[in-house]
């Protein structure tokens, strides 16, 4: 599937509930020269909790397991909604905690991404104290950044124009920066108005992708904290547009985007 251009492989294991493939198999599947190719793999399983419709785990194309993927969640919700004649609202168990999703129409999905986390130890990010902005030393220059977690770590950099942002150099350098013990996603954000931003994201373990749901959430949270945007913001990514809503403080961030089917079938692992 794809979620606003983010390539997602959804594997439904709710019946047999088998464990996911190992790291090398995930890499093999994620590489489009040896498998279907994807940015993220959503491994969907059953849940013993009657209040939970399904559980999922998330793997990047490099084989690493991560905590969250907003566009991937949208694709899981689309799969569940296709077989459910009910209200099309679901509660999912994720590595980052329970997630609520609802289908708005045949392709648009709203996902509750939880509240952002700013404490450095919880991101994780190495810092002496929590700040709204940090100075990050990269390639002998100081870069002003926002750092937070949306279930996974994010570093957001404000730029004048995403088209000219130095993503090729800064993306991998910041992803593996020593102050991010578990690496980080890197967002390059340009403010276009009180309800409109442009964004490109260099994803941890993947590289630059056409879209990133948690990255869109992190960018809007950072922009709100800086006083640049209002409570609901259109986020323009190379793969399309996402809408992020956040009322500040400890409120849940809501992400709305599209989930669309590309193809389906079976694989022998």
C-alpha atoms as a PDB file:
ATOM      1  CA  UNK A   1       0.000   0.000   0.000  1.00  0.00           C
ATOM      2  CA  UNK A   2       1.003   3.607   0.208  1.00  0.00           C
ATOM      3  CA  UNK A   3       0.117   6.276   2.719  1.00  0.00           C
ATOM      4  CA  UNK A   4       0.500   9.684   1.050  1.00  0.00           C
ATOM      5  CA  UNK A   5       3.403   8.262  -0.942  1.00  0.00           C
ATOM      6  CA  UNK A   6       4.988   6.362   1.966  1.00  0.00           C
ATOM      7  CA  UNK A   7       5.463   2.788   0.670  1.00  0.00           C
ATOM      8  CA  UNK A   8       3.959   0.379   3.206  1.00  0.00           C
ATOM      9  CA  UNK A   9       3.937  -3.417   3.148  1.00  0.00           C
ATOM     10  CA  UNK A  10       1.096  -4.668   5.385  1.00  0.00           C
ATOM     11  CA  UNK A  11       1.260  -8.331   6.408  1.00  0.00           C
ATOM     12  CA  UNK A  12      -1.872  -9.750   8.045  1.00  0.00           C
ATOM     13  CA  UNK A  13      -0.893 -12.402  10.593  1.00  0.00           C
ATOM     14  CA  UNK A  14      -3.962 -12.164  12.842  1.00  0.00           C
ATOM     15  CA  UNK A  15      -4.996 -15.785  12.269  1.00  0.00           C
ATOM     16  CA  UNK A  16      -1.703 -17.663  12.459  1.00  0.00           C
ATOM     17  CA  UNK A  17      -0.012 -14.930  14.535  1.00  0.00           C
ATOM     18  CA  UNK A  18       3.465 -15.997  13.420  1.00  0.00           C
ATOM     19  CA  UNK A  19       6.539 -13.974  14.440  1.00  0.00           C
ATOM     20  CA  UNK A  20       7.926 -11.481  11.929  1.00  0.00           C
ATOM     21  CA  UNK A  21      10.845 -12.341   9.635  1.00  0.00           C
ATOM     22  CA  UNK A  22      14.388 -11.784  10.834  1.00  0.00           C
ATOM     23  CA  UNK A  23      16.473  -8.718  10.038  1.00  0.00           C
ATOM     24  CA  UNK A  24      17.996 -10.125   6.852  1.00  0.00           C
ATOM     25  CA  UNK A  25      14.598 -11.222   5.527  1.00  0.00           C
ATOM     26  CA  UNK A  26      13.154  -7.771   6.211  1.00  0.00           C
ATOM     27  CA  UNK A  27      16.050  -6.175   4.295  1.00  0.00           C
ATOM     28  CA  UNK A  28      15.513  -8.640   1.436  1.00  0.00           C
ATOM     29  CA  UNK A  29      11.807  -7.785   1.255  1.00  0.00           C
ATOM     30  CA  UNK A  30      12.393  -4.047   1.634  1.00  0.00           C
ATOM     31  CA  UNK A  31      14.814  -3.872  -1.285  1.00  0.00           C
ATOM     32  CA  UNK A  32      12.764  -3.573  -4.460  1.00  0.00           C
ATOM     33  CA  UNK A  33      15.434  -5.474  -6.406  1.00  0.00           C
ATOM     34  CA  UNK A  34      14.894  -8.597  -4.244  1.00  0.00           C
ATOM     35  CA  UNK A  35      11.384  -8.125  -2.829  1.00  0.00           C
ATOM     36  CA  UNK A  36       8.274  -5.965  -3.158  1.00  0.00           C
ATOM     37  CA  UNK A  37      10.178  -2.982  -1.722  1.00  0.00           C
ATOM     38  CA  UNK A  38       8.882  -0.718   1.040  1.00  0.00           C
ATOM     39  CA  UNK A  39       9.733   2.084   3.431  1.00  0.00           C
ATOM     40  CA  UNK A  40       8.022   0.346   6.360  1.00  0.00           C
ATOM     41  CA  UNK A  41       6.681  -3.134   7.057  1.00  0.00           C
ATOM     42  CA  UNK A  42       3.564  -3.313   9.263  1.00  0.00           C
ATOM     43  CA  UNK A  43       3.360  -6.801  10.811  1.00  0.00           C
ATOM     44  CA  UNK A  44      -0.239  -7.093  12.007  1.00  0.00           C
ATOM     45  CA  UNK A  45      -1.155  -9.606  14.693  1.00  0.00           C
ATOM     46  CA  UNK A  46      -4.064 -10.542  16.933  1.00  0.00           C
ATOM     47  CA  UNK A  47      -4.628  -9.280  20.470  1.00  0.00           C
ATOM     48  CA  UNK A  48      -5.820 -11.017  23.628  1.00  0.00           C
ATOM     49  CA  UNK A  49      -7.423  -7.774  24.786  1.00  0.00           C
ATOM     50  CA  UNK A  50     -11.093  -7.664  23.634  1.00  0.00           C
ATOM     51  CA  UNK A  51     -10.906  -3.848  23.477  1.00  0.00           C
ATOM     52  CA  UNK A  52      -8.096  -4.045  20.885  1.00  0.00           C
ATOM     53  CA  UNK A  53      -8.938  -4.850  17.249  1.00  0.00           C
ATOM     54  CA  UNK A  54      -5.371  -5.739  16.248  1.00  0.00           C
ATOM     55  CA  UNK A  55      -1.743  -5.241  17.196  1.00  0.00           C
ATOM     56  CA  UNK A  56       1.185  -4.318  15.006  1.00  0.00           C
ATOM     57  CA  UNK A  57       4.954  -4.059  14.881  1.00  0.00           C
ATOM     58  CA  UNK A  58       6.907  -1.728  12.584  1.00  0.00           C
ATOM     59  CA  UNK A  59      10.109  -2.455  10.662  1.00  0.00           C
ATOM     60  CA  UNK A  60      12.136  -0.127   8.463  1.00  0.00           C
ATOM     61  CA  UNK A  61      13.589  -1.227   5.142  1.00  0.00           C
ATOM     62  CA  UNK A  62      17.036  -1.663   6.741  1.00  0.00           C
ATOM     63  CA  UNK A  63      15.595  -4.334   9.057  1.00  0.00           C
ATOM     64  CA  UNK A  64      15.473  -2.203  12.206  1.00  0.00           C
ATOM     65  CA  UNK A  65      12.355  -2.353  14.356  1.00  0.00           C
ATOM     66  CA  UNK A  66      10.886   1.033  15.283  1.00  0.00           C
ATOM     67  CA  UNK A  67       8.139   2.289  17.556  1.00  0.00           C
ATOM     68  CA  UNK A  68       5.663   4.014  15.272  1.00  0.00           C
ATOM     69  CA  UNK A  69       4.638   4.853  11.686  1.00  0.00           C
ATOM     70  CA  UNK A  70       1.628   7.129  11.191  1.00  0.00           C
ATOM     71  CA  UNK A  71       1.107   6.399   7.499  1.00  0.00           C
ATOM     72  CA  UNK A  72       1.549   2.691   8.198  1.00  0.00           C
ATOM     73  CA  UNK A  73      -1.209   2.835  10.808  1.00  0.00           C
ATOM     74  CA  UNK A  74      -3.502   4.411   8.205  1.00  0.00           C
ATOM     75  CA  UNK A  75      -2.850   1.453   5.903  1.00  0.00           C
ATOM     76  CA  UNK A  76      -3.588  -1.048   8.677  1.00  0.00           C
ATOM     77  CA  UNK A  77      -6.866   0.766   9.400  1.00  0.00           C
ATOM     78  CA  UNK A  78      -7.800   0.646   5.698  1.00  0.00           C
ATOM     79  CA  UNK A  79      -7.234  -3.127   5.692  1.00  0.00           C
ATOM     80  CA  UNK A  80      -9.412  -3.588   8.788  1.00  0.00           C
ATOM     81  CA  UNK A  81     -12.164  -1.318   7.467  1.00  0.00           C
ATOM     82  CA  UNK A  82     -12.411  -3.243   4.195  1.00  0.00           C
ATOM     83  CA  UNK A  83     -13.629  -6.340   6.059  1.00  0.00           C
ATOM     84  CA  UNK A  84     -15.702  -4.591   8.760  1.00  0.00           C
ATOM     85  CA  UNK A  85     -19.249  -3.354   8.130  1.00  0.00           C
ATOM     86  CA  UNK A  86     -19.308  -1.558  11.505  1.00  0.00           C
ATOM     87  CA  UNK A  87     -18.507   2.045  12.426  1.00  0.00           C
ATOM     88  CA  UNK A  88     -14.970   1.846  10.947  1.00  0.00           C
ATOM     89  CA  UNK A  89     -13.351   2.950  14.178  1.00  0.00           C
ATOM     90  CA  UNK A  90     -10.565   0.811  15.596  1.00  0.00           C
ATOM     91  CA  UNK A  91      -8.271   0.578  18.577  1.00  0.00           C
ATOM     92  CA  UNK A  92      -4.825  -0.817  17.867  1.00  0.00           C
ATOM     93  CA  UNK A  93      -1.959  -1.925  20.091  1.00  0.00           C
ATOM     94  CA  UNK A  94       1.345  -0.422  18.959  1.00  0.00           C
ATOM     95  CA  UNK A  95       4.877  -0.564  20.384  1.00  0.00           C
ATOM     96  CA  UNK A  96       4.350   3.060  21.442  1.00  0.00           C
ATOM     97  CA  UNK A  97       1.009   2.351  23.175  1.00  0.00           C
ATOM     98  CA  UNK A  98      -2.690   2.159  22.210  1.00  0.00           C
ATOM     99  CA  UNK A  99      -3.733   3.985  19.031  1.00  0.00           C
ATOM    100  CA  UNK A 100      -7.231   5.028  17.956  1.00  0.00           C
ATOM    101  CA  UNK A 101      -8.072   5.274  14.255  1.00  0.00           C
ATOM    102  CA  UNK A 102     -11.198   6.108  12.289  1.00  0.00           C
ATOM    103  CA  UNK A 103     -12.016   6.008   8.602  1.00  0.00           C
ATOM    104  CA  UNK A 104     -13.291   9.343   7.283  1.00  0.00           C
ATOM    105  CA  UNK A 105     -14.114   7.973   3.826  1.00  0.00           C
ATOM    106  CA  UNK A 106     -12.855   5.217   1.516  1.00  0.00           C
ATOM    107  CA  UNK A 107      -9.245   6.402   1.609  1.00  0.00           C
ATOM    108  CA  UNK A 108      -8.831   9.070   4.306  1.00  0.00           C
ATOM    109  CA  UNK A 109      -7.897   7.943   7.808  1.00  0.00           C
ATOM    110  CA  UNK A 110      -7.573   9.909  11.061  1.00  0.00           C
ATOM    111  CA  UNK A 111      -5.069   8.523  13.562  1.00  0.00           C
ATOM    112  CA  UNK A 112      -4.549   9.529  17.193  1.00  0.00           C
ATOM    113  CA  UNK A 113      -0.768   9.631  17.485  1.00  0.00           C
ATOM    114  CA  UNK A 114      -0.620  10.292  21.238  1.00  0.00           C
ATOM    115  CA  UNK A 115       0.952  13.270  22.956  1.00  0.00           C
ATOM    116  CA  UNK A 116       4.439  14.484  22.021  1.00  0.00           C
ATOM    117  CA  UNK A 117       7.285  13.781  24.431  1.00  0.00           C
ATOM    118  CA  UNK A 118       9.865  16.500  25.114  1.00  0.00           C
ATOM    119  CA  UNK A 119      11.920  15.077  27.996  1.00  0.00           C
ATOM    120  CA  UNK A 120      15.376  14.285  26.554  1.00  0.00           C
ATOM    121  CA  UNK A 121      15.629  10.927  28.327  1.00  0.00           C
ATOM    122  CA  UNK A 122      12.297   9.833  26.850  1.00  0.00           C
ATOM    123  CA  UNK A 123      13.130  10.772  23.243  1.00  0.00           C
ATOM    124  CA  UNK A 124      16.030   9.749  23.694  1.00  0.00           C
ATOM    125  CA  UNK A 125      18.344  12.742  23.226  1.00  0.00           C
ATOM    126  CA  UNK A 126      21.455  13.690  25.148  1.00  0.00           C
ATOM    127  CA  UNK A 127      20.985  17.111  26.772  1.00  0.00           C
ATOM    128  CA  UNK A 128      21.625  18.663  30.174  1.00  0.00           C
ATOM    129  CA  UNK A 129      18.048  19.978  30.413  1.00  0.00           C
ATOM    130  CA  UNK A 130      14.825  20.159  28.431  1.00  0.00           C
ATOM    131  CA  UNK A 131      14.690  23.136  26.048  1.00  0.00           C
ATOM    132  CA  UNK A 132      12.350  24.302  23.313  1.00  0.00           C
ATOM    133  CA  UNK A 133      15.315  24.526  20.903  1.00  0.00           C
ATOM    134  CA  UNK A 134      18.804  23.039  20.910  1.00  0.00           C
ATOM    135  CA  UNK A 135      22.096  23.839  19.195  1.00  0.00           C
ATOM    136  CA  UNK A 136      23.413  20.816  17.325  1.00  0.00           C
ATOM    137  CA  UNK A 137      26.998  20.717  16.092  1.00  0.00           C
ATOM    138  CA  UNK A 138      27.129  19.205  12.591  1.00  0.00           C
ATOM    139  CA  UNK A 139      30.099  19.358  10.240  1.00  0.00           C
ATOM    140  CA  UNK A 140      31.713  22.264  12.143  1.00  0.00           C
ATOM    141  CA  UNK A 141      28.562  24.373  12.148  1.00  0.00           C
ATOM    142  CA  UNK A 142      25.857  25.009  14.714  1.00  0.00           C
ATOM    143  CA  UNK A 143      22.280  24.195  13.685  1.00  0.00           C
ATOM    144  CA  UNK A 144      19.204  25.292  15.646  1.00  0.00           C
ATOM    145  CA  UNK A 145      16.814  22.345  15.985  1.00  0.00           C
ATOM    146  CA  UNK A 146      13.672  21.155  17.769  1.00  0.00           C
ATOM    147  CA  UNK A 147      13.816  17.656  19.253  1.00  0.00           C
ATOM    148  CA  UNK A 148      10.843  15.555  20.383  1.00  0.00           C
ATOM    149  CA  UNK A 149       9.314  12.107  20.213  1.00  0.00           C
ATOM    150  CA  UNK A 150       6.086  11.073  18.508  1.00  0.00           C
ATOM    151  CA  UNK A 151       6.562   7.486  19.674  1.00  0.00           C
ATOM    152  CA  UNK A 152       9.857   7.668  17.753  1.00  0.00           C
ATOM    153  CA  UNK A 153      12.592  10.348  17.859  1.00  0.00           C
ATOM    154  CA  UNK A 154      12.468  13.414  15.612  1.00  0.00           C
ATOM    155  CA  UNK A 155      14.751  16.344  14.918  1.00  0.00           C
ATOM    156  CA  UNK A 156      13.085  19.270  13.106  1.00  0.00           C
ATOM    157  CA  UNK A 157      15.044  21.963  11.281  1.00  0.00           C
ATOM    158  CA  UNK A 158      13.383  25.137   9.988  1.00  0.00           C
ATOM    159  CA  UNK A 159      14.547  26.118   6.485  1.00  0.00           C
ATOM    160  CA  UNK A 160      13.604  28.847   4.024  1.00  0.00           C
ATOM    161  CA  UNK A 161      12.832  26.414   1.185  1.00  0.00           C
ATOM    162  CA  UNK A 162      12.660  22.615   1.367  1.00  0.00           C
ATOM    163  CA  UNK A 163      13.724  22.382  -2.295  1.00  0.00           C
ATOM    164  CA  UNK A 164      17.163  23.810  -1.499  1.00  0.00           C
ATOM    165  CA  UNK A 165      17.650  22.221   1.947  1.00  0.00           C
ATOM    166  CA  UNK A 166      20.909  20.274   2.301  1.00  0.00           C
ATOM    167  CA  UNK A 167      19.151  16.972   3.021  1.00  0.00           C
ATOM    168  CA  UNK A 168      21.752  14.812   1.296  1.00  0.00           C
ATOM    169  CA  UNK A 169      24.435  15.856   3.796  1.00  0.00           C
ATOM    170  CA  UNK A 170      22.493  16.860   6.907  1.00  0.00           C
ATOM    171  CA  UNK A 171      19.991  13.987   6.828  1.00  0.00           C
ATOM    172  CA  UNK A 172      22.399  11.091   7.403  1.00  0.00           C
ATOM    173  CA  UNK A 173      24.731  13.188   9.580  1.00  0.00           C
ATOM    174  CA  UNK A 174      21.953  14.098  12.026  1.00  0.00           C
ATOM    175  CA  UNK A 175      20.238  10.695  11.856  1.00  0.00           C
ATOM    176  CA  UNK A 176      23.362   9.134  13.377  1.00  0.00           C
ATOM    177  CA  UNK A 177      24.481  12.114  15.475  1.00  0.00           C
ATOM    178  CA  UNK A 178      26.076  11.116  18.780  1.00  0.00           C
ATOM    179  CA  UNK A 179      23.404  12.979  20.763  1.00  0.00           C
ATOM    180  CA  UNK A 180      20.726  10.589  19.444  1.00  0.00           C
ATOM    181  CA  UNK A 181      21.512   7.192  21.054  1.00  0.00           C
ATOM    182  CA  UNK A 182      18.839   5.411  18.998  1.00  0.00           C
ATOM    183  CA  UNK A 183      19.289   7.558  15.863  1.00  0.00           C
ATOM    184  CA  UNK A 184      16.548   9.951  14.739  1.00  0.00           C
ATOM    185  CA  UNK A 185      14.237  11.009  11.926  1.00  0.00           C
ATOM    186  CA  UNK A 186      15.191  14.393  10.467  1.00  0.00           C
ATOM    187  CA  UNK A 187      12.557  16.846   9.220  1.00  0.00           C
ATOM    188  CA  UNK A 188      13.266  19.913   7.055  1.00  0.00           C
ATOM    189  CA  UNK A 189      10.348  22.339   7.458  1.00  0.00           C
ATOM    190  CA  UNK A 190       9.457  25.600   5.695  1.00  0.00           C
ATOM    191  CA  UNK A 191       6.617  27.728   7.124  1.00  0.00           C
ATOM    192  CA  UNK A 192       4.192  28.897   4.425  1.00  0.00           C
ATOM    193  CA  UNK A 193       1.403  30.320   6.593  1.00  0.00           C
ATOM    194  CA  UNK A 194      -0.500  29.880   9.841  1.00  0.00           C
ATOM    195  CA  UNK A 195      -2.070  26.690   8.499  1.00  0.00           C
ATOM    196  CA  UNK A 196       0.433  25.548   5.891  1.00  0.00           C
ATOM    197  CA  UNK A 197       3.972  24.124   5.943  1.00  0.00           C
ATOM    198  CA  UNK A 198       6.246  22.303   3.495  1.00  0.00           C
ATOM    199  CA  UNK A 199       8.206  19.302   4.744  1.00  0.00           C
ATOM    200  CA  UNK A 200      10.787  16.777   3.612  1.00  0.00           C
ATOM    201  CA  UNK A 201      11.862  13.949   5.921  1.00  0.00           C
ATOM    202  CA  UNK A 202      15.004  11.852   6.077  1.00  0.00           C
ATOM    203  CA  UNK A 203      13.716   8.770   7.892  1.00  0.00           C
ATOM    204  CA  UNK A 204      15.765   6.736  10.321  1.00  0.00           C
ATOM    205  CA  UNK A 205      16.806   3.481   8.679  1.00  0.00           C
ATOM    206  CA  UNK A 206      15.244   4.380   5.321  1.00  0.00           C
ATOM    207  CA  UNK A 207      16.562   7.672   3.929  1.00  0.00           C
ATOM    208  CA  UNK A 208      14.411  10.387   2.399  1.00  0.00           C
ATOM    209  CA  UNK A 209      10.844   9.225   1.744  1.00  0.00           C
ATOM    210  CA  UNK A 210       7.872  10.777  -0.039  1.00  0.00           C
ATOM    211  CA  UNK A 211       5.989  11.157   3.250  1.00  0.00           C
ATOM    212  CA  UNK A 212       6.316  10.555   6.990  1.00  0.00           C
ATOM    213  CA  UNK A 213       3.291  10.704   9.287  1.00  0.00           C
ATOM    214  CA  UNK A 214       5.113  11.005  12.600  1.00  0.00           C
ATOM    215  CA  UNK A 215       7.487  13.470  10.924  1.00  0.00           C
ATOM    216  CA  UNK A 216       4.527  15.643   9.915  1.00  0.00           C
ATOM    217  CA  UNK A 217       3.252  15.537  13.505  1.00  0.00           C
ATOM    218  CA  UNK A 218       6.668  16.453  14.909  1.00  0.00           C
ATOM    219  CA  UNK A 219       7.041  19.368  12.490  1.00  0.00           C
ATOM    220  CA  UNK A 220       3.638  20.840  13.376  1.00  0.00           C
ATOM    221  CA  UNK A 221       4.320  20.469  17.109  1.00  0.00           C
ATOM    222  CA  UNK A 222       7.678  22.230  16.689  1.00  0.00           C
ATOM    223  CA  UNK A 223       6.089  24.992  14.591  1.00  0.00           C
ATOM    224  CA  UNK A 224       3.309  25.493  17.150  1.00  0.00           C
ATOM    225  CA  UNK A 225       5.801  25.750  19.989  1.00  0.00           C
ATOM    226  CA  UNK A 226       7.645  28.439  18.050  1.00  0.00           C
ATOM    227  CA  UNK A 227       4.359  30.319  17.543  1.00  0.00           C
ATOM    228  CA  UNK A 228       4.391  29.976  13.756  1.00  0.00           C
ATOM    229  CA  UNK A 229       1.177  28.005  13.114  1.00  0.00           C
ATOM    230  CA  UNK A 230      -2.345  27.442  14.432  1.00  0.00           C
ATOM    231  CA  UNK A 231      -3.983  24.278  15.814  1.00  0.00           C
ATOM    232  CA  UNK A 232      -4.683  22.613  12.449  1.00  0.00           C
ATOM    233  CA  UNK A 233      -2.049  22.609   9.734  1.00  0.00           C
ATOM    234  CA  UNK A 234      -1.748  21.275   6.177  1.00  0.00           C
ATOM    235  CA  UNK A 235       1.610  19.557   5.747  1.00  0.00           C
ATOM    236  CA  UNK A 236       2.810  19.429   2.132  1.00  0.00           C
ATOM    237  CA  UNK A 237       5.190  16.526   1.478  1.00  0.00           C
ATOM    238  CA  UNK A 238       6.621  15.233  -1.817  1.00  0.00           C
ATOM    239  CA  UNK A 239       4.044  12.400  -1.756  1.00  0.00           C
ATOM    240  CA  UNK A 240       1.016  14.575  -1.014  1.00  0.00           C
ATOM    241  CA  UNK A 241      -0.680  16.406   1.816  1.00  0.00           C
ATOM    242  CA  UNK A 242      -1.320  15.389   5.429  1.00  0.00           C
ATOM    243  CA  UNK A 243      -3.353  17.302   8.004  1.00  0.00           C
ATOM    244  CA  UNK A 244      -2.122  17.535  11.594  1.00  0.00           C
ATOM    245  CA  UNK A 245      -4.190  18.830  14.518  1.00  0.00           C
ATOM    246  CA  UNK A 246      -2.806  19.563  17.994  1.00  0.00           C
ATOM    247  CA  UNK A 247      -4.182  21.698  20.824  1.00  0.00           C
ATOM    248  CA  UNK A 248      -0.901  21.887  22.676  1.00  0.00           C
ATOM    249  CA  UNK A 249       0.320  20.702  26.071  1.00  0.00           C
ATOM    250  CA  UNK A 250      -0.346  16.997  26.700  1.00  0.00           C
ATOM    251  CA  UNK A 251      -3.170  16.731  24.138  1.00  0.00           C
ATOM    252  CA  UNK A 252      -3.184  13.999  21.505  1.00  0.00           C
ATOM    253  CA  UNK A 253      -1.866  14.822  18.047  1.00  0.00           C
ATOM    254  CA  UNK A 254      -4.259  13.789  15.270  1.00  0.00           C
ATOM    255  CA  UNK A 255      -2.948  12.859  11.842  1.00  0.00           C
ATOM    256  CA  UNK A 256      -5.214  12.651   8.787  1.00  0.00           C
ATOM    257  CA  UNK A 257      -4.001  11.232   5.494  1.00  0.00           C
ATOM    258  CA  UNK A 258      -4.730   8.823   2.673  1.00  0.00           C
ATOM    259  CA  UNK A 259      -4.185   5.071   2.508  1.00  0.00           C
ATOM    260  CA  UNK A 260      -4.405   3.358  -0.873  1.00  0.00           C
ATOM    261  CA  UNK A 261      -3.947  -0.191  -2.108  1.00  0.00           C
ATOM    262  CA  UNK A 262      -1.267  -0.858  -4.735  1.00  0.00           C
ATOM    263  CA  UNK A 263      -1.384  -4.653  -4.914  1.00  0.00           C
ATOM    264  CA  UNK A 264      -1.929  -7.727  -2.753  1.00  0.00           C
ATOM    265  CA  UNK A 265      -0.969 -11.365  -2.682  1.00  0.00           C
ATOM    266  CA  UNK A 266       0.961 -13.967  -0.710  1.00  0.00           C
ATOM    267  CA  UNK A 267       4.672 -14.505  -0.028  1.00  0.00           C
ATOM    268  CA  UNK A 268       6.542 -17.666   0.932  1.00  0.00           C
ATOM    269  CA  UNK A 269       9.131 -16.703   3.541  1.00  0.00           C
END
